[in-house]
Every structure is written in structure tokens, then in C-alpha cells.
């Protein structure tokens, strides 16, 4: 017997002779919509207060989640029609965090964002600071796969 879900994102598949195929199809569209250029409102461990106007908005479930998010740490939670859908994280995913105005990357089972790299300041240690800043930039680009090791 074959699974009625896709392997990576658990998109529901239509079954032969299935009644009400639109329900399964619409569920898959909701998940695809959330994954297309994914943007999260922020990272939370508790379910936010939401309204109908928040339909389709996503949050990254933080560490040690509570309530109905319990057991969903690291998942992307999508608010749809009064309920939540959970998208399992996959290495290689990239999402935009609206709160912090930066990307998060899923690498080796963890959500990572870029390092904070201070601007080199003037003075006698400019060369040392500049080298440290460039090294941090290069390490980050290697981490997200822009540059090879």
C-alpha cells in the first residue's frame, strides 16, 4: 500500500475513487501557498492571538512549545481557517523572518540566521577588525552554501 502523502512536506495525495477530492486538493494548496517564498511573522513558543485577517500567516514554532504547538518545535505553523497546519522543517529551507528582517536557514537540523558582524572602527586595530569581519562573512557564506569550503 502506498502512502497518501508526499515524502518531504506531507502534501496530501488524491486516492483512486476518493469522494470530495477538493478537500485533499485544497489542503495541498494551503501548504504549497505557505511554502512559496515563506515569510514568518516571528518565532514563538506559544500560540499567538490570531483573527480571520491573519489567515495564511506563518510562525516558526520555537523551542519548548506549549499548548496545541506542543511537540512541533522547529515546524512552520500556518494559520488557516480557524486552525493550524504544521509544515515539517527540511534541511535547505530558507524563510524570511519579518520581525528581524532577515533570513533563517535550515542547516543540519537547526534554524540558523546570519552572524552579527560589527563594522570595523578606526584606530590601530583596523586591519585585525577588518580581517575578522571578512572571515565572519566568508564563514557565513560557506554555511549557507553560497561559497564552497
Protein backbone atom coordinates (compact mmCIF):
# COMPACT_ATOMS: atom_id res chain seq x y z
CA UNK A 1 0.00 0.00 0.00
CA UNK A 2 1.32 3.44 -0.87
CA UNK A 3 1.27 6.48 1.42
CA UNK A 4 -1.34 9.13 0.72
CA UNK A 5 1.19 11.90 1.40
CA UNK A 6 4.25 13.18 -0.38
CA UNK A 7 7.59 12.32 1.19
CA UNK A 8 9.06 15.71 2.05
CA UNK A 9 6.25 18.04 3.04
CA UNK A 10 3.44 15.54 3.62
CA UNK A 11 1.22 17.08 0.96
CA UNK A 12 -1.98 15.04 0.78
CA UNK A 13 -2.40 12.94 -2.34
CA UNK A 14 -5.66 12.08 -4.05
CA UNK A 15 -6.80 8.49 -3.73
CA UNK A 16 -8.39 6.50 -6.52
CA UNK A 17 -12.20 6.79 -6.33
CA UNK A 18 -11.89 9.31 -3.49
CA UNK A 19 -15.02 11.32 -2.72
CA UNK A 20 -14.67 15.06 -2.11
CA UNK A 21 -11.28 15.34 -3.79
CA UNK A 22 -11.45 19.12 -3.42
CA UNK A 23 -10.74 18.81 0.33
CA UNK A 24 -7.48 16.96 -0.25
CA UNK A 25 -6.55 19.23 -3.15
CA UNK A 26 -7.27 22.40 -1.15
CA UNK A 27 -5.19 21.14 1.80
CA UNK A 28 -2.23 20.63 -0.53
CA UNK A 29 -2.69 24.14 -1.95
CA UNK A 30 -2.63 25.64 1.56
CA UNK A 31 0.74 24.02 2.27
CA UNK A 32 2.17 24.97 -1.13
CA UNK A 33 0.99 28.56 -0.59
CA UNK A 34 2.80 28.70 2.76
CA UNK A 35 6.00 27.25 1.30
CA UNK A 36 6.16 29.56 -1.71
CA UNK A 37 8.56 32.32 -0.64
CA UNK A 38 7.89 31.55 3.02
CA UNK A 39 7.76 34.52 5.37
CA UNK A 40 7.16 34.10 9.08
CA UNK A 41 5.78 36.71 11.43
CA UNK A 42 8.29 35.66 14.08
CA UNK A 43 9.48 32.81 16.29
CA UNK A 44 7.14 31.87 19.13
CA UNK A 45 6.77 29.01 21.59
CA UNK A 46 3.16 29.92 22.42
CA UNK A 47 0.26 30.18 20.02
CA UNK A 48 -0.34 33.84 19.07
CA UNK A 49 -3.73 35.51 19.28
CA UNK A 50 -4.99 35.44 15.71
CA UNK A 51 -8.00 36.77 13.81
CA UNK A 52 -9.56 35.98 10.44
CA UNK A 53 -7.32 38.65 8.90
CA UNK A 54 -4.28 36.52 9.88
CA UNK A 55 -5.29 33.66 7.57
CA UNK A 56 -2.24 32.32 5.75
CA UNK A 57 0.28 33.91 8.10
CA UNK A 58 3.12 31.71 9.34
CA UNK A 59 5.15 31.49 12.54
CA UNK A 60 8.19 29.41 13.32
CA UNK A 61 7.46 27.29 16.37
CA UNK A 62 10.21 27.98 18.89
CA UNK A 63 11.88 25.74 21.46
CA UNK A 64 9.73 24.08 24.14
CA UNK A 65 6.36 25.00 22.62
CA UNK A 66 3.19 24.83 24.69
CA UNK A 67 -0.49 24.25 24.07
CA UNK A 68 -1.51 22.96 20.67
CA UNK A 69 2.01 23.65 19.40
CA UNK A 70 3.47 21.14 21.88
CA UNK A 71 5.79 18.74 20.05
CA UNK A 72 6.08 20.99 16.98
CA UNK A 73 9.38 22.80 17.77
CA UNK A 74 11.06 23.93 14.55
CA UNK A 75 7.92 23.43 12.43
CA UNK A 76 6.35 26.24 10.44
CA UNK A 77 2.83 26.83 11.78
CA UNK A 78 0.34 28.23 9.26
CA UNK A 79 -2.97 29.71 10.40
CA UNK A 80 -5.76 28.63 8.06
CA UNK A 81 -9.48 28.99 8.57
CA UNK A 82 -9.53 28.82 12.35
CA UNK A 83 -6.96 26.05 12.70
CA UNK A 84 -3.26 25.39 12.33
CA UNK A 85 -1.30 23.42 9.75
CA UNK A 86 2.25 22.35 10.52
CA UNK A 87 4.96 22.11 7.90
CA UNK A 88 7.87 19.86 8.86
CA UNK A 89 11.27 21.53 8.53
CA UNK A 90 13.67 20.26 5.89
CA UNK A 91 17.39 20.96 5.61
CA UNK A 92 17.95 23.51 2.86
CA UNK A 93 14.81 25.54 3.61
CA UNK A 94 15.06 29.31 3.74
CA UNK A 95 12.43 31.53 5.35
CA UNK A 96 12.12 35.28 5.81
CA UNK A 97 11.63 36.46 9.40
CA UNK A 98 9.56 39.66 9.15
CA UNK A 99 10.22 40.60 12.79
CA UNK A 100 14.00 40.58 12.43
CA UNK A 101 14.10 41.46 8.70
CA UNK A 102 16.49 38.63 7.88
CA UNK A 103 16.53 35.10 6.53
CA UNK A 104 16.69 31.91 8.55
CA UNK A 105 18.25 28.80 7.02
CA UNK A 106 17.62 25.16 7.96
CA UNK A 107 21.04 23.50 8.18
CA UNK A 108 21.87 20.21 9.92
CA UNK A 109 18.50 20.10 11.68
CA UNK A 110 18.64 23.65 13.07
CA UNK A 111 17.26 27.03 12.07
CA UNK A 112 20.20 29.44 11.77
CA UNK A 113 20.44 33.09 10.91
CA UNK A 114 23.42 35.12 9.86
CA UNK A 115 26.01 36.34 12.30
CA UNK A 116 26.07 39.88 13.62
CA UNK A 117 29.20 41.35 12.11
CA UNK A 118 30.31 44.65 13.59
CA UNK A 119 31.66 47.36 11.31
CA UNK A 120 35.40 47.83 11.69
CA UNK A 121 36.15 51.01 13.59
CA UNK A 122 39.01 53.40 13.01
CA UNK A 123 42.14 53.11 15.11
CA UNK A 124 45.21 50.97 15.44
CA UNK A 125 43.36 47.65 15.09
CA UNK A 126 41.55 48.34 11.81
CA UNK A 127 43.41 45.58 9.97
CA UNK A 128 42.60 42.99 12.66
CA UNK A 129 38.94 44.06 12.81
CA UNK A 130 38.59 44.10 9.02
CA UNK A 131 40.07 40.62 8.74
CA UNK A 132 37.72 39.33 11.47
CA UNK A 133 34.71 40.87 9.71
CA UNK A 134 35.71 39.39 6.35
CA UNK A 135 36.32 35.97 7.94
CA UNK A 136 32.85 36.05 9.54
CA UNK A 137 31.27 36.96 6.20
CA UNK A 138 33.11 34.18 4.38
CA UNK A 139 32.19 31.62 7.06
CA UNK A 140 28.53 32.60 6.81
CA UNK A 141 28.51 32.38 3.01
CA UNK A 142 30.06 28.92 3.27
CA UNK A 143 27.48 27.89 5.85
CA UNK A 144 24.51 28.83 3.64
CA UNK A 145 26.09 27.31 0.54
CA UNK A 146 26.91 30.49 -1.38
CA UNK A 147 30.63 29.61 -1.29
CA UNK A 148 32.28 26.22 -1.17
CA UNK A 149 34.54 25.33 1.71
